[in-house]
Amino acid sequence: MTTEKQPSENENHHDQTLNSLQALRSVLSSREEQTFMSILFSSSATIRANNFGLSRKEVEKLLGVSNDEEYLTSFIARVNQAVGLYYRLIFDEKRDQVVVMLRVPANSARHTLSEEALAVLLFIFYQQEVLGHEYTLLSQLLEAFGHEQLRGARRIQIALDSLRKIGAVENHQLSDREDAFRLTAIGVNMFSDSFLHRMVEFSHSNQLSKEDVMKFFNRYNLYDQEGSQ
């Protein structure tokens, strides 16, 4: 009698991910499959010197089309249909960038970002996606977080470094004296709607409707009250 080693959870996840990639062939042409693999490759944090993903123009060139909105939408939908459980193909129209993001369980995500990095990312997300600011200044981050913790400036720099490494934020050059940062297509799409909703509910310690969430964002538009910088 022999005992068979039971596959671990990680091994099962790996096998299922490979199976989902195999499913691409049933919904994509060979050219489309190669295009997806090129986007996946370029979305790695170590490949293109922090230029994550491909521009729409680059993707359309690989697909052999030009300004075909319907075809690009179809391509993205078919990719996500096949691999959506593990990956998400995103076109960020504002940044003209197509990226592939890996879906990870909440427990794994906790090991990706520190509490400081998550707080900094949420602050930048709120400023730029809710208030509509083009960038966030380092001085604003220091004012918001640095005075509340020991070695705050150093810890914020470490948090920003980790966000840059995973492609969530990028430097925005203003002057030699002022550091600024902008969200990337990856940073914008890291938070699900349900996660953002829970964050707002937690801050208010009660249940909120979708309308209440929007009221919260509008009500605390502090920079409009003080004058945008």
C-alpha atoms as a PDB file:
ATOM      1  CA  MET A   1       0.000   0.000   0.000  1.00  0.00           C
ATOM      2  CA  THR A   2       1.307   3.447  -0.913  1.00  0.00           C
ATOM      3  CA  THR A   3       0.276   6.837   0.320  1.00  0.00           C
ATOM      4  CA  GLU A   4      -0.146   9.626  -2.169  1.00  0.00           C
ATOM      5  CA  LYS A   5       0.949  13.068  -1.146  1.00  0.00           C
ATOM      6  CA  GLN A   6      -2.029  15.410  -1.098  1.00  0.00           C
ATOM      7  CA  PRO A   7      -1.475  18.565  -3.181  1.00  0.00           C
ATOM      8  CA  SER A   8      -1.107  21.732  -1.170  1.00  0.00           C
ATOM      9  CA  GLU A   9      -3.382  24.732  -1.543  1.00  0.00           C
ATOM     10  CA  ASN A  10      -0.625  26.563  -3.435  1.00  0.00           C
ATOM     11  CA  GLU A  11      -0.169  23.647  -5.834  1.00  0.00           C
ATOM     12  CA  ASN A  12      -3.919  23.505  -6.513  1.00  0.00           C
ATOM     13  CA  HIS A  13      -3.994  27.257  -7.127  1.00  0.00           C
ATOM     14  CA  HIS A  14      -1.026  26.954  -9.511  1.00  0.00           C
ATOM     15  CA  ASP A  15      -2.671  24.128 -11.470  1.00  0.00           C
ATOM     16  CA  GLN A  16      -5.980  25.998 -11.728  1.00  0.00           C
ATOM     17  CA  THR A  17      -4.182  29.124 -12.935  1.00  0.00           C
ATOM     18  CA  LEU A  18      -2.417  27.143 -15.656  1.00  0.00           C
ATOM     19  CA  ASN A  19      -5.738  25.616 -16.677  1.00  0.00           C
ATOM     20  CA  SER A  20      -7.291  29.066 -16.969  1.00  0.00           C
ATOM     21  CA  LEU A  21      -4.417  30.201 -19.206  1.00  0.00           C
ATOM     22  CA  GLN A  22      -4.997  27.140 -21.394  1.00  0.00           C
ATOM     23  CA  ALA A  23      -8.625  28.247 -21.733  1.00  0.00           C
ATOM     24  CA  LEU A  24      -7.425  31.363 -23.558  1.00  0.00           C
ATOM     25  CA  ARG A  25      -7.033  29.315 -26.725  1.00  0.00           C
ATOM     26  CA  SER A  26     -10.753  28.646 -26.828  1.00  0.00           C
ATOM     27  CA  VAL A  27     -11.671  32.358 -26.906  1.00  0.00           C
ATOM     28  CA  LEU A  28      -8.655  34.041 -28.522  1.00  0.00           C
ATOM     29  CA  SER A  29      -6.925  33.788 -31.865  1.00  0.00           C
ATOM     30  CA  SER A  30      -3.192  33.065 -31.899  1.00  0.00           C
ATOM     31  CA  ARG A  31      -2.461  36.747 -32.472  1.00  0.00           C
ATOM     32  CA  GLU A  32      -4.727  37.781 -29.615  1.00  0.00           C
ATOM     33  CA  GLU A  33      -3.135  35.219 -27.317  1.00  0.00           C
ATOM     34  CA  GLN A  34       0.329  36.569 -28.122  1.00  0.00           C
ATOM     35  CA  THR A  35      -0.919  40.105 -27.484  1.00  0.00           C
ATOM     36  CA  PHE A  36      -2.235  39.136 -24.061  1.00  0.00           C
ATOM     37  CA  MET A  37       1.066  37.448 -23.194  1.00  0.00           C
ATOM     38  CA  SER A  38       2.941  40.607 -24.251  1.00  0.00           C
ATOM     39  CA  ILE A  39       0.733  42.733 -21.980  1.00  0.00           C
ATOM     40  CA  LEU A  40       1.201  40.237 -19.144  1.00  0.00           C
ATOM     41  CA  PHE A  41       4.975  40.296 -19.626  1.00  0.00           C
ATOM     42  CA  SER A  42       5.144  44.094 -19.768  1.00  0.00           C
ATOM     43  CA  SER A  43       2.959  44.432 -16.659  1.00  0.00           C
ATOM     44  CA  SER A  44       5.695  42.904 -14.521  1.00  0.00           C
ATOM     45  CA  ALA A  45       7.222  45.323 -12.014  1.00  0.00           C
ATOM     46  CA  THR A  46      10.763  44.569 -13.257  1.00  0.00           C
ATOM     47  CA  ILE A  47      10.450  44.616 -17.041  1.00  0.00           C
ATOM     48  CA  ARG A  48      10.045  48.129 -18.406  1.00  0.00           C
ATOM     49  CA  ALA A  49      11.648  50.466 -15.890  1.00  0.00           C
ATOM     50  CA  ASN A  50       8.376  51.280 -14.122  1.00  0.00           C
ATOM     51  CA  ASN A  51       6.425  51.756 -17.371  1.00  0.00           C
ATOM     52  CA  PHE A  52       3.896  49.073 -16.551  1.00  0.00           C
ATOM     53  CA  GLY A  53       1.713  47.562 -19.253  1.00  0.00           C
ATOM     54  CA  LEU A  54       1.354  48.750 -22.845  1.00  0.00           C
ATOM     55  CA  SER A  55      -0.247  51.796 -24.370  1.00  0.00           C
ATOM     56  CA  ARG A  56      -3.429  51.378 -26.385  1.00  0.00           C
ATOM     57  CA  LYS A  57      -1.478  52.186 -29.541  1.00  0.00           C
ATOM     58  CA  GLU A  58       1.004  49.391 -28.801  1.00  0.00           C
ATOM     59  CA  VAL A  59      -1.799  46.907 -28.103  1.00  0.00           C
ATOM     60  CA  GLU A  60      -3.665  47.826 -31.289  1.00  0.00           C
ATOM     61  CA  LYS A  61      -0.456  47.396 -33.280  1.00  0.00           C
ATOM     62  CA  LEU A  62      -0.012  43.900 -31.851  1.00  0.00           C
ATOM     63  CA  LEU A  63      -3.651  43.087 -32.628  1.00  0.00           C
ATOM     64  CA  GLY A  64      -3.384  44.505 -36.146  1.00  0.00           C
ATOM     65  CA  VAL A  65      -6.181  47.072 -35.718  1.00  0.00           C
ATOM     66  CA  SER A  66      -6.443  50.844 -35.399  1.00  0.00           C
ATOM     67  CA  ASN A  67      -8.980  52.867 -33.384  1.00  0.00           C
ATOM     68  CA  ASP A  68     -11.381  49.929 -33.218  1.00  0.00           C
ATOM     69  CA  GLU A  69     -13.146  50.486 -29.898  1.00  0.00           C
ATOM     70  CA  GLU A  70     -15.569  47.600 -30.340  1.00  0.00           C
ATOM     71  CA  TYR A  71     -12.818  45.106 -31.116  1.00  0.00           C
ATOM     72  CA  LEU A  72     -10.623  46.224 -28.207  1.00  0.00           C
ATOM     73  CA  THR A  73     -13.582  45.951 -25.820  1.00  0.00           C
ATOM     74  CA  SER A  74     -14.330  42.465 -27.137  1.00  0.00           C
ATOM     75  CA  PHE A  75     -10.705  41.397 -26.736  1.00  0.00           C
ATOM     76  CA  ILE A  76     -10.572  42.570 -23.119  1.00  0.00           C
ATOM     77  CA  ALA A  77     -13.931  40.947 -22.298  1.00  0.00           C
ATOM     78  CA  ARG A  78     -12.891  37.589 -23.798  1.00  0.00           C
ATOM     79  CA  VAL A  79      -9.577  37.579 -21.944  1.00  0.00           C
ATOM     80  CA  ASN A  80     -11.292  38.337 -18.637  1.00  0.00           C
ATOM     81  CA  GLN A  81     -13.896  35.669 -19.359  1.00  0.00           C
ATOM     82  CA  ALA A  82     -11.136  33.069 -19.583  1.00  0.00           C
ATOM     83  CA  VAL A  83      -8.754  34.183 -16.821  1.00  0.00           C
ATOM     84  CA  GLY A  84     -10.891  36.558 -14.731  1.00  0.00           C
ATOM     85  CA  LEU A  85     -10.691  34.377 -11.651  1.00  0.00           C
ATOM     86  CA  TYR A  86      -6.931  34.931 -11.398  1.00  0.00           C
ATOM     87  CA  TYR A  87      -6.098  37.887 -13.637  1.00  0.00           C
ATOM     88  CA  ARG A  88      -7.821  41.073 -14.740  1.00  0.00           C
ATOM     89  CA  LEU A  89      -7.040  42.819 -18.020  1.00  0.00           C
ATOM     90  CA  ILE A  90      -7.688  46.558 -17.660  1.00  0.00           C
ATOM     91  CA  PHE A  91      -7.718  49.468 -20.083  1.00  0.00           C
ATOM     92  CA  ASP A  92      -7.223  52.752 -18.251  1.00  0.00           C
ATOM     93  CA  GLU A  93      -8.539  55.295 -20.733  1.00  0.00           C
ATOM     94  CA  LYS A  94      -7.357  58.277 -18.699  1.00  0.00           C
ATOM     95  CA  ARG A  95      -3.764  57.041 -18.773  1.00  0.00           C
ATOM     96  CA  ASP A  96      -4.017  55.293 -22.168  1.00  0.00           C
ATOM     97  CA  GLN A  97      -2.570  52.154 -20.578  1.00  0.00           C
ATOM     98  CA  VAL A  98      -3.484  48.465 -20.795  1.00  0.00           C
ATOM     99  CA  VAL A  99      -2.278  46.352 -17.874  1.00  0.00           C
ATOM    100  CA  VAL A 100      -2.772  42.873 -16.448  1.00  0.00           C
ATOM    101  CA  MET A 101      -3.356  42.659 -12.705  1.00  0.00           C
ATOM    102  CA  LEU A 102      -3.107  39.510 -10.623  1.00  0.00           C
ATOM    103  CA  ARG A 103      -5.972  38.749  -8.268  1.00  0.00           C
ATOM    104  CA  VAL A 104      -4.763  37.656  -4.837  1.00  0.00           C
ATOM    105  CA  PRO A 105      -6.636  36.481  -1.720  1.00  0.00           C
ATOM    106  CA  ALA A 106      -7.024  39.024   1.064  1.00  0.00           C
ATOM    107  CA  ASN A 107      -4.623  37.092   3.298  1.00  0.00           C
ATOM    108  CA  SER A 108      -1.902  37.285   0.645  1.00  0.00           C
ATOM    109  CA  ALA A 109      -2.564  40.956  -0.009  1.00  0.00           C
ATOM    110  CA  ARG A 110      -1.798  41.725   3.627  1.00  0.00           C
ATOM    111  CA  HIS A 111       1.790  40.646   3.019  1.00  0.00           C
ATOM    112  CA  THR A 112       2.116  42.800  -0.098  1.00  0.00           C
ATOM    113  CA  LEU A 113       1.626  46.208   1.487  1.00  0.00           C
ATOM    114  CA  SER A 114       2.428  47.441   4.973  1.00  0.00           C
ATOM    115  CA  GLU A 115      -0.150  49.399   6.944  1.00  0.00           C
ATOM    116  CA  GLU A 116       1.759  52.600   6.143  1.00  0.00           C
ATOM    117  CA  ALA A 117       1.833  51.833   2.418  1.00  0.00           C
ATOM    118  CA  LEU A 118      -1.886  51.051   2.371  1.00  0.00           C
ATOM    119  CA  ALA A 119      -2.679  54.292   4.204  1.00  0.00           C
ATOM    120  CA  VAL A 120      -0.516  56.327   1.820  1.00  0.00           C
ATOM    121  CA  LEU A 121      -2.095  54.674  -1.212  1.00  0.00           C
ATOM    122  CA  LEU A 122      -5.619  55.357   0.079  1.00  0.00           C
ATOM    123  CA  PHE A 123      -4.716  58.983   0.752  1.00  0.00           C
ATOM    124  CA  ILE A 124      -3.317  59.432  -2.777  1.00  0.00           C
ATOM    125  CA  PHE A 125      -6.310  57.585  -4.248  1.00  0.00           C
ATOM    126  CA  TYR A 126      -8.721  59.903  -2.433  1.00  0.00           C
ATOM    127  CA  GLN A 127      -6.897  63.044  -3.523  1.00  0.00           C
ATOM    128  CA  GLN A 128      -6.612  62.091  -7.178  1.00  0.00           C
ATOM    129  CA  GLU A 129      -9.641  59.910  -7.922  1.00  0.00           C
ATOM    130  CA  VAL A 130     -12.160  61.664  -5.672  1.00  0.00           C
ATOM    131  CA  LEU A 131     -10.925  65.248  -5.387  1.00  0.00           C
ATOM    132  CA  GLY A 132      -9.546  65.230  -8.923  1.00  0.00           C
ATOM    133  CA  HIS A 133      -6.028  66.416  -8.118  1.00  0.00           C
ATOM    134  CA  GLU A 134      -3.389  65.728 -10.757  1.00  0.00           C
ATOM    135  CA  TYR A 135      -0.757  64.717  -8.214  1.00  0.00           C
ATOM    136  CA  THR A 136      -0.030  64.465  -4.484  1.00  0.00           C
ATOM    137  CA  LEU A 137       2.854  66.306  -2.843  1.00  0.00           C
ATOM    138  CA  LEU A 138       5.234  64.643  -0.428  1.00  0.00           C
ATOM    139  CA  SER A 139       4.668  67.582   1.926  1.00  0.00           C
ATOM    140  CA  GLN A 140       0.944  66.735   1.980  1.00  0.00           C
ATOM    141  CA  LEU A 141       1.730  63.138   2.942  1.00  0.00           C
ATOM    142  CA  LEU A 142       4.093  64.315   5.685  1.00  0.00           C
ATOM    143  CA  GLU A 143       1.466  66.696   7.015  1.00  0.00           C
ATOM    144  CA  ALA A 144      -1.184  63.948   6.997  1.00  0.00           C
ATOM    145  CA  PHE A 145       0.895  61.125   8.502  1.00  0.00           C
ATOM    146  CA  GLY A 146       4.427  62.158   9.401  1.00  0.00           C
ATOM    147  CA  HIS A 147       3.700  64.040  12.609  1.00  0.00           C
ATOM    148  CA  GLU A 148       1.739  61.126  14.087  1.00  0.00           C
ATOM    149  CA  GLN A 149       4.484  58.516  14.242  1.00  0.00           C
ATOM    150  CA  LEU A 150       8.129  58.098  15.185  1.00  0.00           C
ATOM    151  CA  ARG A 151      10.457  58.560  12.186  1.00  0.00           C
ATOM    152  CA  GLY A 152       7.373  59.381  10.141  1.00  0.00           C
ATOM    153  CA  ALA A 153       9.211  60.852   7.137  1.00  0.00           C
ATOM    154  CA  ARG A 154      11.432  57.778   6.813  1.00  0.00           C
ATOM    155  CA  ARG A 155       8.494  55.383   7.106  1.00  0.00           C
ATOM    156  CA  ILE A 156       6.514  57.292   4.473  1.00  0.00           C
ATOM    157  CA  GLN A 157       9.478  57.119   2.086  1.00  0.00           C
ATOM    158  CA  ILE A 158       9.673  53.355   2.642  1.00  0.00           C
ATOM    159  CA  ALA A 159       5.924  53.096   1.957  1.00  0.00           C
ATOM    160  CA  LEU A 160       6.288  55.116  -1.255  1.00  0.00           C
ATOM    161  CA  ASP A 161       9.203  52.932  -2.368  1.00  0.00           C
ATOM    162  CA  SER A 162       7.090  49.800  -1.955  1.00  0.00           C
ATOM    163  CA  LEU A 163       4.222  51.396  -3.908  1.00  0.00           C
ATOM    164  CA  ARG A 164       6.591  52.316  -6.730  1.00  0.00           C
ATOM    165  CA  LYS A 165       8.009  48.785  -6.841  1.00  0.00           C
ATOM    166  CA  ILE A 166       4.588  47.236  -7.440  1.00  0.00           C
ATOM    167  CA  GLY A 167       3.703  49.922  -9.966  1.00  0.00           C
ATOM    168  CA  ALA A 168       0.940  51.594  -7.968  1.00  0.00           C
ATOM    169  CA  VAL A 169       2.422  55.113  -7.996  1.00  0.00           C
ATOM    170  CA  GLU A 170       5.003  56.978 -10.045  1.00  0.00           C
ATOM    171  CA  ASN A 171       7.062  60.093  -9.508  1.00  0.00           C
ATOM    172  CA  HIS A 172       5.705  63.311 -10.991  1.00  0.00           C
ATOM    173  CA  GLN A 173       8.364  65.919 -11.639  1.00  0.00           C
ATOM    174  CA  LEU A 174       7.407  69.390 -10.470  1.00  0.00           C
ATOM    175  CA  SER A 175      10.668  70.991  -9.397  1.00  0.00           C
ATOM    176  CA  ASP A 176      13.946  70.087  -7.773  1.00  0.00           C
ATOM    177  CA  ARG A 177      12.549  71.201  -4.423  1.00  0.00           C
ATOM    178  CA  GLU A 178       9.176  69.450  -4.358  1.00  0.00           C
ATOM    179  CA  ASP A 179       8.496  65.718  -4.716  1.00  0.00           C
ATOM    180  CA  ALA A 180       5.127  64.685  -6.119  1.00  0.00           C
ATOM    181  CA  PHE A 181       3.449  61.381  -6.958  1.00  0.00           C
ATOM    182  CA  ARG A 182       0.705  60.154  -9.276  1.00  0.00           C
ATOM    183  CA  LEU A 183      -1.379  57.000  -9.333  1.00  0.00           C
ATOM    184  CA  THR A 184      -0.766  54.587 -12.192  1.00  0.00           C
ATOM    185  CA  ALA A 185      -3.354  52.403 -13.903  1.00  0.00           C
ATOM    186  CA  ILE A 186      -2.362  49.694 -11.424  1.00  0.00           C
ATOM    187  CA  GLY A 187      -2.802  51.943  -8.390  1.00  0.00           C
ATOM    188  CA  VAL A 188      -6.227  53.147  -9.522  1.00  0.00           C
ATOM    189  CA  ASN A 189      -7.547  49.607  -9.920  1.00  0.00           C
ATOM    190  CA  MET A 190      -6.030  47.966  -6.844  1.00  0.00           C
ATOM    191  CA  PHE A 191      -9.083  48.686  -4.692  1.00  0.00           C
ATOM    192  CA  SER A 192     -12.373  46.985  -5.464  1.00  0.00           C
ATOM    193  CA  ASP A 193     -15.626  48.911  -5.052  1.00  0.00           C
ATOM    194  CA  SER A 194     -16.590  46.643  -2.160  1.00  0.00           C
ATOM    195  CA  PHE A 195     -13.292  47.346  -0.375  1.00  0.00           C
ATOM    196  CA  LEU A 196     -13.692  51.115  -0.732  1.00  0.00           C
ATOM    197  CA  HIS A 197     -17.279  50.846   0.481  1.00  0.00           C
ATOM    198  CA  ARG A 198     -16.168  48.920   3.581  1.00  0.00           C
ATOM    199  CA  MET A 199     -13.454  51.498   4.286  1.00  0.00           C
ATOM    200  CA  VAL A 200     -16.005  54.310   4.301  1.00  0.00           C
ATOM    201  CA  GLU A 201     -18.402  52.275   6.448  1.00  0.00           C
ATOM    202  CA  PHE A 202     -15.632  51.515   8.920  1.00  0.00           C
ATOM    203  CA  SER A 203     -14.665  55.180   9.193  1.00  0.00           C
ATOM    204  CA  HIS A 204     -18.279  56.031  10.039  1.00  0.00           C
ATOM    205  CA  SER A 205     -18.892  52.906  12.142  1.00  0.00           C
ATOM    206  CA  ASN A 206     -22.227  52.296  10.469  1.00  0.00           C
ATOM    207  CA  GLN A 207     -23.808  50.893   7.319  1.00  0.00           C
ATOM    208  CA  LEU A 208     -24.007  53.234   4.348  1.00  0.00           C
ATOM    209  CA  SER A 209     -25.885  53.177   1.079  1.00  0.00           C
ATOM    210  CA  LYS A 210     -24.171  53.946  -2.230  1.00  0.00           C
ATOM    211  CA  GLU A 211     -25.622  57.453  -2.080  1.00  0.00           C
ATOM    212  CA  ASP A 212     -24.189  57.933   1.410  1.00  0.00           C
ATOM    213  CA  VAL A 213     -20.747  56.955   0.144  1.00  0.00           C
ATOM    214  CA  MET A 214     -20.900  59.620  -2.563  1.00  0.00           C
ATOM    215  CA  LYS A 215     -22.120  62.193  -0.021  1.00  0.00           C
ATOM    216  CA  PHE A 216     -19.144  61.320   2.186  1.00  0.00           C
ATOM    217  CA  PHE A 217     -16.666  61.985  -0.621  1.00  0.00           C
ATOM    218  CA  ASN A 218     -18.369  65.244  -1.582  1.00  0.00           C
ATOM    219  CA  ARG A 219     -18.807  66.495   1.978  1.00  0.00           C
ATOM    220  CA  TYR A 220     -15.142  66.150   2.893  1.00  0.00           C
ATOM    221  CA  ASN A 221     -13.766  67.939  -0.126  1.00  0.00           C
ATOM    222  CA  LEU A 222     -11.450  69.917   2.127  1.00  0.00           C
ATOM    223  CA  TYR A 223      -9.130  71.189  -0.563  1.00  0.00           C
ATOM    224  CA  ASP A 224     -12.011  72.858  -2.420  1.00  0.00           C
ATOM    225  CA  GLN A 225     -12.880  74.668   0.787  1.00  0.00           C
ATOM    226  CA  GLU A 226      -9.297  75.784   1.470  1.00  0.00           C
ATOM    227  CA  GLY A 227      -8.400  76.459  -2.160  1.00  0.00           C
ATOM    228  CA  SER A 228      -6.672  73.923  -4.376  1.00  0.00           C
ATOM    229  CA  GLN A 229      -2.899  74.049  -4.431  1.00  0.00           C
END
